[in-house]
Structures are given as C-alpha cells and as structure tokens.
Amino acid sequence: MLRRAASEEEARAIFAQAEAALDTDSATPVGADVRASRTMEGRESRLNAHILPTVGDVPVTKWRVEHSRKVMEKGGKTLFSQRGREDLRGQLAAMRKLAWRLGWLDRSIDPLDGLEIAKANVLHGATAQYVDPRLRPETRQVRAMAAAADKLCGPEGTDPLMTRLPLFGTKIRVAGFGGLRLGEQNGLRAIDVFFERGYVQVNGSWITPRNAPGFRGPVKNHVIHEVPLPRSLMLGELLPRLKELLGLPPTASMQQVLNAQEEERQRRAKLALRAGDSTLTWWNCPIPPEEEQWLFVDTATGLPVKPEMHNERWHRVRRWVDEHDPDNAWPKTIVYRNLRHHAATRWFHEELGEPWEVVAQYLGDKLTTVLNHYVRAGEDALRDSVSKLEHL
C-alpha cells in the first residue's frame, strides 16, 4: 500500500518494495485473461527502453519539461507509430500524477507543460493505421530469409545457438505465406495441421508473461481460423516433422499420419469430455506444455522459443543475408512481424488474387482492420494513370 514518503531516499525504498512484490514468480492459469499483464509488460518495456536510460538519474524534484522532451526524442527514434508515441507520453503523464499525489513534485511544476506530440503525416486516402508498402517485404526477400535460416539453423549449421531452433526457416515460411502472428506460430501442434485439406487451424497462441511460465492460451480476438499453406511447405517441411512428433517412421504413408493425428484428437476429446467442461474440446483440452507436440521448439527446453531469443536469432539471420545476399537484404525498418504484411498483401491478395474479405478470414482479423492496414483510397486510379502516362 502506497504512503507518503518523508524523503526521496525513503521513496526509492518504497518503489523497490513495490517492484519486488510485482516481480514475484507465479504461474498464470490456462485460459486467463492476459490483457492486463500485457499492458504492464508494455509499460515496463517503455520504462526500460526510453525513460530510465534518458532521465533515470534525475531526482523527481528536479524533473522538468526539458527532461520529458529528451525522453520523447529518444522514443521517436524507434517508435514510428503515432500510437506508440502517445503511449510513451501517457506513461510520463501517469508518472507525473503519481509524483504530484505523493508530494515528490510540487504541483506548480508541470514537467509535461507544452510537450506536444508531432502529428504524423498521413498519405491521402489512407488511415493512420495504413502500412506503407515499403514496410511490406517482397516474396524474394521472404524466401531469402527462410533459406538463410535453413542454412544457419538446420543440420548444416555450426553455431549451437542457432541450431537450437532447427525449423526456423520453416517457421519463417509459415509466417510469410500464412500470416500467422508469432504467438500463433509458436502455438502450432501436430494436431493442428490438416494435410488432406491443405491448411493449418489456428486455435491457440503461446503466451509468455514476464516472470511466469509460458502457457497455451486463446488465439487473439478468440477467432479460430484456417490458413492455407503452399503444398511444398505442407508436404516437404511439415510432414516430416509430424512423423517425428507422432512417433512414426520416416517412411510412414500419408494415411498413417492422418490416422495418428485423428487418434490423438479423439484422445483429447475424451479427456475434455471427462473434465465436465462444455467449453473444452480436442483443440483446447489442457495438456502440460512439456507433453505437447509443438511444431517449433527450442531444443534446449522442448518448448516454444521465448520472444527475446526468437528476435535475437532473427537479427542474426538478417545480418547474414545483408552480408551474403545483399540483393535480398532486409531494411532494418522491416521487422519479423512484417511477414504478416507480406502474407496479406503480396501473397494472399496479389499472388492468389483473394479479395480482402477472404484475406481477413485467413488472418483472423476484422475486415475493417485489414482495409485500414492495406487499402488506400484512389491507389488503383493512381496506378492506372501512371500506366497511361508511360505511353505519352
């Protein structure tokens, strides 16, 4: 419980006690609402990345608007979205409120006075959520990154830190040609692949709260959806992995794989029925994570990789492509999650010719969200005009 501190030294001690209480390790129950924990993690990340490195040594009583400006300037170098900058300013506002309420900062002093957030320029015909085409990787770049990951993380890899993720290249292809979010990729299991139908079912997400064990929770928006994948990816890469997970020999037929999958689904359906919970079925029946048949794992733990390790390995692969395949290098502004943008636009919409309604279905998103991200009014007309002018 917070109380007024008699000195700044005592105030720091109070904060240390509060942080120790918040950092207490406790398991998160399966199916728990993780929105609150994600919000706190986001605030902690902004604090560690932008606020503490900039003004961490400034006494609260000396906090002024010039310090807040430095925080916003530092944040502006990596927070490219208007929403991200607004969140950072909002966190500063929450700190100001706490400092005023506890008497650490005189109320006559406003360290955010006149601190405005520069409005981002918006393209004509686009919403604030529009993803610039320059941030959507091209298919050749996706293939190059996946091939590099195969080389560095696969059987031929020599760095044990990279070979801990042996199917990283396959994972990149699932993201680039399926549009799955990172948690959805990590949450895929042997029973979620339907070879006879040519798709994977996205019915859960691997969630990793800070200071707590990971668990398989619900998919974002609680929208279960199916995602078609290229046949070469399904049969050439996922099929051998499933044979291994299901305990089948490499020479097992497709029918043997399908039979083993269905047997496992039925086993879980019976477990769900015995639990007496009508919300449980084969795909969300609680199974200990260490007993799950995960497609993509960190071989050191047997569990889906933590986001921090995943991102670190991703950047290693990106740097390798920069050096060895510069024609397909990825700009630093195109991050791993932008593989989803490739799947939505260059693959589903342009290559396969799917309408945006179908793209939204494959992504598990609302149609309005997809349109806001990828459609700019008048873009087709502009393209037609440019084409006509080429002949004049």
Protein backbone atom coordinates (compact mmCIF):
# COMPACT_ATOMS: atom_id res chain seq x y z
CA MET A 1 0.00 0.00 0.00
CA LEU A 2 1.45 3.38 -1.02
CA ARG A 3 2.09 6.08 1.57
CA ARG A 4 3.74 9.49 1.55
CA ALA A 5 7.49 9.26 1.84
CA ALA A 6 9.41 11.59 4.17
CA SER A 7 12.37 11.78 1.79
CA GLU A 8 13.38 10.81 -1.69
CA GLU A 9 15.58 8.04 -0.28
CA GLU A 10 12.57 6.59 1.51
CA ALA A 11 10.51 6.95 -1.68
CA ARG A 12 13.03 4.90 -3.63
CA ALA A 13 12.86 2.22 -0.95
CA ILE A 14 9.05 2.14 -1.27
CA PHE A 15 9.34 1.70 -5.03
CA ALA A 16 11.87 -1.10 -4.57
CA GLN A 17 9.42 -2.93 -2.29
CA ALA A 18 6.60 -2.49 -4.79
CA GLU A 19 8.75 -3.80 -7.67
CA ALA A 20 9.78 -6.82 -5.58
CA ALA A 21 6.13 -7.62 -4.95
CA LEU A 22 5.27 -7.28 -8.62
CA ASP A 23 8.18 -9.49 -9.64
CA THR A 24 7.00 -12.42 -7.51
CA ASP A 25 7.05 -15.50 -9.73
CA SER A 26 3.62 -17.09 -10.08
CA ALA A 27 2.11 -19.35 -12.71
CA THR A 28 -0.55 -17.92 -14.98
CA PRO A 29 -3.60 -20.18 -15.21
CA VAL A 30 -4.55 -21.62 -18.58
CA GLY A 31 -7.22 -19.51 -20.25
CA ALA A 32 -6.53 -16.49 -18.03
CA ASP A 33 -7.19 -13.01 -19.38
CA VAL A 34 -3.68 -11.80 -20.23
CA ARG A 35 -4.58 -8.30 -21.39
CA ALA A 36 -3.71 -6.70 -18.04
CA SER A 37 -0.32 -8.45 -17.86
CA ARG A 38 0.47 -7.45 -21.44
CA THR A 39 -0.38 -3.83 -20.61
CA MET A 40 2.01 -3.89 -17.65
CA GLU A 41 4.70 -5.53 -19.76
CA GLY A 42 4.31 -2.80 -22.36
CA ARG A 43 4.71 -0.11 -19.73
CA GLU A 44 7.75 -1.85 -18.27
CA SER A 45 9.31 -2.10 -21.73
CA ARG A 46 8.80 1.62 -22.40
CA LEU A 47 10.22 2.47 -18.98
CA ASN A 48 13.37 0.39 -19.55
CA ALA A 49 13.86 1.37 -23.20
CA HIS A 50 13.13 5.10 -23.20
CA ILE A 51 12.60 6.66 -19.78
CA LEU A 52 15.24 5.23 -17.46
CA PRO A 53 18.18 5.50 -19.94
CA THR A 54 17.31 9.16 -20.51
CA VAL A 55 16.24 10.59 -17.14
CA GLY A 56 16.78 7.71 -14.73
CA ASP A 57 19.36 9.65 -12.70
CA VAL A 58 17.26 12.83 -12.42
CA PRO A 59 15.71 13.38 -8.94
CA VAL A 60 11.92 13.60 -9.09
CA THR A 61 12.02 17.06 -7.53
CA LYS A 62 14.22 18.26 -10.45
CA TRP A 63 12.07 16.74 -13.22
CA ARG A 64 11.30 19.42 -15.83
CA VAL A 65 9.83 19.61 -19.32
CA GLU A 66 13.27 19.54 -20.97
CA HIS A 67 13.80 16.07 -19.50
CA SER A 68 10.45 14.91 -20.87
CA ARG A 69 11.39 16.25 -24.30
CA LYS A 70 14.57 14.18 -24.25
CA VAL A 71 12.52 11.07 -23.47
CA MET A 72 10.17 11.77 -26.38
CA GLU A 73 13.09 12.48 -28.72
CA LYS A 74 14.72 9.16 -27.80
CA GLY A 75 11.42 7.34 -28.19
CA GLY A 76 10.80 8.95 -31.57
CA LYS A 77 13.88 7.21 -32.98
CA THR A 78 12.33 3.76 -32.56
CA LEU A 79 8.60 4.39 -32.06
CA PHE A 80 7.42 5.00 -35.60
CA SER A 81 3.67 4.90 -34.96
CA GLN A 82 1.57 7.73 -33.57
CA ARG A 83 0.05 5.28 -31.08
CA GLY A 84 3.47 4.31 -29.74
CA ARG A 85 4.44 7.94 -29.12
CA GLU A 86 1.09 8.62 -27.47
CA ASP A 87 1.59 5.62 -25.17
CA LEU A 88 5.02 6.92 -24.14
CA ARG A 89 3.63 10.37 -23.33
CA GLY A 90 0.76 8.74 -21.46
CA GLN A 91 3.26 6.88 -19.29
CA LEU A 92 5.03 10.15 -18.48
CA ALA A 93 1.64 11.62 -17.55
CA ALA A 94 0.99 8.71 -15.17
CA MET A 95 4.39 9.27 -13.54
CA ARG A 96 3.62 12.98 -13.15
CA LYS A 97 0.29 12.18 -11.48
CA LEU A 98 1.97 9.80 -9.05
CA ALA A 99 4.71 12.34 -8.23
CA TRP A 100 2.11 15.02 -7.54
CA ARG A 101 -0.08 12.75 -5.45
CA LEU A 102 2.79 11.56 -3.26
CA GLY A 103 4.20 15.06 -2.87
CA TRP A 104 7.51 14.29 -4.59
CA LEU A 105 6.96 17.07 -7.12
CA ASP A 106 5.37 20.44 -6.40
CA ARG A 107 2.05 20.79 -8.20
CA SER A 108 3.09 24.18 -9.52
CA ILE A 109 5.64 22.37 -11.68
CA ASP A 110 4.36 20.57 -14.76
CA PRO A 111 7.12 18.54 -16.46
CA LEU A 112 4.87 17.97 -19.47
CA ASP A 113 3.82 21.60 -19.98
CA GLY A 114 3.76 22.33 -23.71
CA LEU A 115 5.01 18.85 -24.59
CA GLU A 116 3.14 18.14 -27.81
CA ILE A 117 3.32 15.03 -29.94
CA ALA A 118 4.07 15.86 -33.53
CA LYS A 119 1.32 14.52 -35.72
CA ALA A 120 2.46 12.04 -38.32
CA ASN A 121 1.83 12.85 -41.94
CA VAL A 122 -0.86 10.63 -43.43
CA LEU A 123 -1.00 9.70 -47.10
CA HIS A 124 -4.07 10.97 -48.93
CA GLY A 125 -6.74 8.29 -48.93
CA ALA A 126 -5.08 6.29 -46.14
CA THR A 127 -5.93 5.84 -42.47
CA ALA A 128 -3.50 6.33 -39.59
CA GLN A 129 -3.13 2.51 -39.42
CA TYR A 130 -2.06 2.21 -43.08
CA VAL A 131 1.08 0.11 -43.56
CA ASP A 132 3.37 1.74 -46.11
CA PRO A 133 4.17 -0.67 -48.98
CA ARG A 134 7.87 -0.11 -48.26
CA LEU A 135 7.34 -1.96 -44.97
CA ARG A 136 5.89 -4.99 -46.71
CA PRO A 137 8.67 -7.42 -47.63
CA GLU A 138 8.76 -8.85 -51.12
CA THR A 139 8.41 -12.57 -51.78
CA ARG A 140 12.06 -12.87 -52.89
CA GLN A 141 13.13 -11.39 -49.54
CA VAL A 142 10.97 -13.83 -47.59
CA ARG A 143 12.42 -16.76 -49.49
CA ALA A 144 15.97 -15.47 -48.97
CA MET A 145 15.50 -15.12 -45.21
CA ALA A 146 13.97 -18.58 -44.93
CA ALA A 147 16.79 -20.13 -46.98
CA ALA A 148 19.38 -18.40 -44.79
CA ALA A 149 17.66 -19.70 -41.66
CA ASP A 150 17.71 -23.21 -43.14
CA LYS A 151 21.45 -22.91 -43.63
CA LEU A 152 22.27 -21.43 -40.22
CA CYS A 153 19.79 -23.36 -38.07
CA GLY A 154 19.42 -26.63 -39.94
CA PRO A 155 21.57 -29.80 -39.90
CA GLU A 156 24.41 -27.99 -41.68
CA GLY A 157 24.56 -25.24 -39.07
CA THR A 158 27.70 -24.97 -36.96
CA ASP A 159 26.63 -22.46 -34.29
CA PRO A 160 24.89 -24.30 -31.41
CA LEU A 161 23.00 -21.13 -30.50
CA MET A 162 21.38 -21.14 -33.96
CA THR A 163 20.76 -24.89 -34.22
CA ARG A 164 18.61 -24.72 -31.09
CA LEU A 165 15.88 -23.58 -33.50
CA PRO A 166 16.22 -26.24 -36.21
CA LEU A 167 13.00 -25.37 -38.07
CA PHE A 168 13.45 -21.60 -38.04
CA GLY A 169 13.37 -21.46 -41.85
CA THR A 170 10.08 -23.38 -41.92
CA LYS A 171 8.69 -21.04 -39.29
CA ILE A 172 9.58 -18.02 -41.43
CA ARG A 173 7.72 -19.58 -44.38
CA VAL A 174 4.66 -20.28 -42.23
CA ALA A 175 4.68 -16.63 -41.16
CA GLY A 176 5.40 -15.23 -44.64
CA PHE A 177 2.93 -17.39 -46.57
CA GLY A 178 0.33 -17.89 -43.83
CA GLY A 179 0.34 -14.60 -41.97
CA LEU A 180 0.26 -16.16 -38.51
CA ARG A 181 1.21 -13.99 -35.56
CA LEU A 182 4.31 -15.05 -33.61
CA GLY A 183 2.30 -16.48 -30.71
CA GLU A 184 0.14 -18.41 -33.18
CA GLN A 185 3.22 -19.85 -34.89
CA ASN A 186 4.64 -20.93 -31.54
CA GLY A 187 1.29 -22.44 -30.55
CA LEU A 188 1.03 -24.79 -33.54
CA ARG A 189 0.93 -28.52 -32.75
CA ALA A 190 0.84 -31.75 -34.74
CA ILE A 191 -2.95 -31.99 -34.39
CA ASP A 192 -3.47 -28.51 -35.86
CA VAL A 193 -2.21 -29.48 -39.33
CA PHE A 194 -4.80 -30.82 -41.80
CA PHE A 195 -2.87 -32.25 -44.75
CA GLU A 196 -5.97 -33.60 -46.51
CA ARG A 197 -7.45 -30.10 -46.57
CA GLY A 198 -4.27 -28.14 -47.22
CA TYR A 199 -4.38 -25.86 -44.20
CA VAL A 200 -3.43 -25.37 -40.56
CA GLN A 201 -6.05 -24.48 -37.99
CA VAL A 202 -5.10 -21.55 -35.76
CA ASN A 203 -6.86 -22.28 -32.48
CA GLY A 204 -4.43 -21.07 -29.81
CA SER A 205 -1.42 -18.93 -29.05
CA TRP A 206 1.71 -19.47 -26.97
CA ILE A 207 1.81 -16.74 -24.33
CA THR A 208 4.94 -15.87 -22.33
CA PRO A 209 4.26 -13.47 -19.44
CA ARG A 210 7.30 -11.94 -17.80
CA ASN A 211 8.45 -13.72 -14.67
CA ALA A 212 5.97 -16.55 -15.21
CA PRO A 213 5.95 -19.84 -17.15
CA GLY A 214 4.59 -19.78 -20.68
CA PHE A 215 1.26 -21.37 -21.50
CA ARG A 216 -1.01 -22.01 -24.46
CA GLY A 217 -3.86 -19.52 -24.34
CA PRO A 218 -6.62 -18.40 -26.69
CA VAL A 219 -5.98 -17.00 -30.13
CA LYS A 220 -6.19 -13.22 -30.46
CA ASN A 221 -9.78 -11.93 -30.67
CA HIS A 222 -10.85 -15.52 -29.81
CA VAL A 223 -11.31 -16.11 -33.57
CA ILE A 224 -10.35 -19.64 -34.63
CA HIS A 225 -9.47 -19.68 -38.31
CA GLU A 226 -7.91 -21.85 -41.01
CA VAL A 227 -4.90 -20.78 -43.07
CA PRO A 228 -3.96 -22.45 -46.38
CA LEU A 229 -0.26 -23.05 -46.95
CA PRO A 230 1.72 -23.96 -50.09
CA ARG A 231 1.73 -27.71 -50.77
CA SER A 232 5.53 -27.73 -50.89
CA LEU A 233 5.62 -26.33 -47.36
CA MET A 234 2.97 -28.72 -46.04
CA LEU A 235 4.41 -31.91 -47.51
CA GLY A 236 8.09 -31.06 -47.81
CA GLU A 237 8.64 -29.50 -44.37
CA LEU A 238 5.70 -30.01 -42.00
CA LEU A 239 5.04 -33.66 -42.88
CA PRO A 240 8.49 -34.97 -41.82
CA ARG A 241 8.19 -33.02 -38.57
CA LEU A 242 4.79 -34.53 -37.82
CA LYS A 243 6.04 -38.06 -38.44
CA GLU A 244 8.70 -37.41 -35.84
CA LEU A 245 6.22 -35.93 -33.33
CA LEU A 246 3.71 -38.76 -33.79
CA GLY A 247 6.34 -41.45 -33.35
CA LEU A 248 6.09 -42.69 -36.95
CA PRO A 249 9.00 -43.84 -39.14
CA PRO A 250 10.19 -41.51 -41.94
CA THR A 251 8.70 -43.97 -44.47
CA ALA A 252 5.19 -43.77 -42.98
CA SER A 253 2.44 -43.10 -45.52
CA MET A 254 0.20 -40.05 -45.52
CA GLN A 255 -2.74 -42.18 -44.39
CA GLN A 256 -0.77 -43.40 -41.38
CA VAL A 257 -0.07 -39.79 -40.42
CA LEU A 258 -3.74 -38.82 -40.78
CA ASN A 259 -4.79 -41.82 -38.68
CA ALA A 260 -2.33 -40.94 -35.92
CA GLN A 261 -3.50 -37.31 -35.89
CA GLU A 262 -7.16 -38.29 -35.64
CA GLU A 263 -6.41 -40.79 -32.90
CA GLU A 264 -4.72 -38.03 -30.88
CA ARG A 265 -7.63 -35.63 -31.46
CA GLN A 266 -10.09 -38.27 -30.28
CA ARG A 267 -7.98 -38.97 -27.19
CA ARG A 268 -8.07 -35.30 -26.25
CA ALA A 269 -11.78 -35.04 -26.98
CA LYS A 270 -12.41 -37.84 -24.47
CA LEU A 271 -10.23 -36.10 -21.87
CA ALA A 272 -12.22 -32.90 -22.41
CA LEU A 273 -15.50 -34.81 -22.01
CA ARG A 274 -14.36 -36.30 -18.71
CA ALA A 275 -13.45 -32.85 -17.42
CA GLY A 276 -17.13 -31.94 -17.48
CA ASP A 277 -16.47 -28.50 -19.02
CA SER A 278 -18.61 -27.84 -22.07
CA THR A 279 -16.13 -25.25 -23.37
CA LEU A 280 -13.39 -27.85 -23.78
CA THR A 281 -12.80 -29.93 -26.89
CA TRP A 282 -9.87 -31.60 -28.65
CA TRP A 283 -8.05 -28.39 -29.55
CA ASN A 284 -8.18 -26.62 -26.15
CA CYS A 285 -8.06 -29.58 -23.78
CA PRO A 286 -5.39 -28.66 -21.16
CA ILE A 287 -2.18 -30.62 -21.73
CA PRO A 288 1.05 -29.95 -19.80
CA PRO A 289 3.28 -27.85 -22.12
CA GLU A 290 6.17 -30.29 -21.81
CA GLU A 291 3.91 -33.07 -23.14
CA GLU A 292 2.61 -31.10 -26.15
CA GLN A 293 3.55 -31.94 -29.73
CA TRP A 294 4.87 -28.48 -30.68
CA LEU A 295 5.93 -27.91 -34.29
CA PHE A 296 8.53 -25.28 -33.44
CA VAL A 297 10.63 -25.62 -30.29
CA ASP A 298 13.82 -24.52 -28.63
CA THR A 299 15.64 -27.85 -28.45
CA ALA A 300 17.21 -26.87 -25.11
CA THR A 301 13.80 -26.70 -23.40
CA GLY A 302 11.46 -28.67 -25.66
CA LEU A 303 9.08 -25.70 -25.51
CA PRO A 304 8.30 -22.85 -27.92
CA VAL A 305 11.11 -20.31 -28.00
CA LYS A 306 10.92 -17.16 -25.91
CA PRO A 307 10.29 -13.97 -27.94
CA GLU A 308 13.64 -12.47 -26.89
CA MET A 309 15.61 -15.46 -28.21
CA HIS A 310 13.46 -15.62 -31.34
CA ASN A 311 14.15 -11.97 -32.17
CA GLU A 312 17.86 -12.28 -31.45
CA ARG A 313 18.16 -15.25 -33.84
CA TRP A 314 16.06 -13.40 -36.43
CA HIS A 315 18.50 -10.48 -36.44
CA ARG A 316 21.42 -12.88 -36.80
CA VAL A 317 19.80 -14.32 -39.91
CA ARG A 318 19.04 -10.83 -41.22
CA ARG A 319 22.68 -9.77 -40.80
CA TRP A 320 23.82 -12.92 -42.61
CA VAL A 321 21.56 -12.08 -45.57
CA ASP A 322 22.89 -8.49 -45.55
CA GLU A 323 26.41 -9.82 -45.97
CA HIS A 324 25.94 -12.84 -48.22
CA ASP A 325 22.85 -11.98 -50.27
CA PRO A 326 22.72 -8.16 -50.41
CA ASP A 327 20.24 -8.08 -53.30
CA ASN A 328 17.64 -9.56 -50.96
CA ALA A 329 18.70 -7.74 -47.79
CA TRP A 330 16.01 -6.60 -45.37
CA PRO A 331 15.96 -2.93 -44.30
CA LYS A 332 16.09 -2.61 -40.52
CA THR A 333 12.64 -0.97 -40.61
CA ILE A 334 11.12 -4.28 -41.80
CA VAL A 335 10.87 -6.46 -38.70
CA TYR A 336 9.80 -10.10 -38.25
CA ARG A 337 6.12 -9.32 -37.68
CA ASN A 338 6.02 -7.67 -41.11
CA LEU A 339 6.00 -11.16 -42.60
CA ARG A 340 2.29 -10.97 -41.82
CA HIS A 341 2.04 -7.92 -44.08
CA HIS A 342 3.66 -9.91 -46.89
CA ALA A 343 1.17 -12.74 -46.48
CA ALA A 344 -1.80 -10.36 -46.51
CA THR A 345 -0.84 -8.22 -49.48
CA ARG A 346 1.77 -9.73 -51.78
CA TRP A 347 0.75 -13.35 -51.25
CA PHE A 348 -2.98 -13.74 -50.49
CA HIS A 349 -4.24 -10.62 -52.27
CA GLU A 350 -1.82 -10.15 -55.19
CA GLU A 351 -0.38 -13.60 -55.89
CA LEU A 352 -3.50 -15.68 -55.11
CA GLY A 353 -5.97 -12.96 -56.11
CA GLU A 354 -8.08 -13.30 -52.96
CA PRO A 355 -10.50 -10.46 -52.08
CA TRP A 356 -9.92 -8.57 -48.85
CA GLU A 357 -12.82 -10.37 -47.16
CA VAL A 358 -11.01 -13.68 -47.63
CA VAL A 359 -7.68 -12.17 -46.58
CA ALA A 360 -9.30 -11.01 -43.32
CA GLN A 361 -10.62 -14.54 -42.78
CA TYR A 362 -7.17 -16.07 -43.26
CA LEU A 363 -5.58 -13.54 -40.89
CA GLY A 364 -8.25 -13.94 -38.22
CA ASP A 365 -8.84 -10.18 -38.33
CA LYS A 366 -11.84 -7.94 -38.84
CA LEU A 367 -12.34 -6.74 -42.39
CA THR A 368 -12.17 -3.11 -41.26
CA THR A 369 -8.78 -3.75 -39.66
CA VAL A 370 -7.41 -5.29 -42.86
CA LEU A 371 -8.75 -2.46 -45.02
CA ASN A 372 -7.29 0.17 -42.69
CA HIS A 373 -3.88 -1.53 -42.81
CA TYR A 374 -3.56 -2.25 -46.51
CA VAL A 375 -6.02 -0.28 -48.65
CA ARG A 376 -5.55 3.32 -49.70
CA ALA A 377 -8.42 5.04 -51.48
CA GLY A 378 -7.52 6.07 -55.02
CA GLU A 379 -4.45 3.84 -55.19
CA ASP A 380 -5.78 1.84 -58.17
CA ALA A 381 -6.69 5.02 -60.04
CA LEU A 382 -3.19 6.41 -59.44
CA ARG A 383 -1.64 3.21 -60.76
CA ASP A 384 -3.81 3.35 -63.90
CA SER A 385 -2.87 6.97 -64.54
CA VAL A 386 0.85 6.21 -64.23
CA SER A 387 0.43 3.33 -66.68
CA LYS A 388 -1.28 5.58 -69.22
CA LEU A 389 1.40 8.26 -68.90
CA GLU A 390 4.13 5.76 -69.76
CA HIS A 391 2.91 5.85 -73.38
CA LEU A 392 2.76 9.66 -73.71
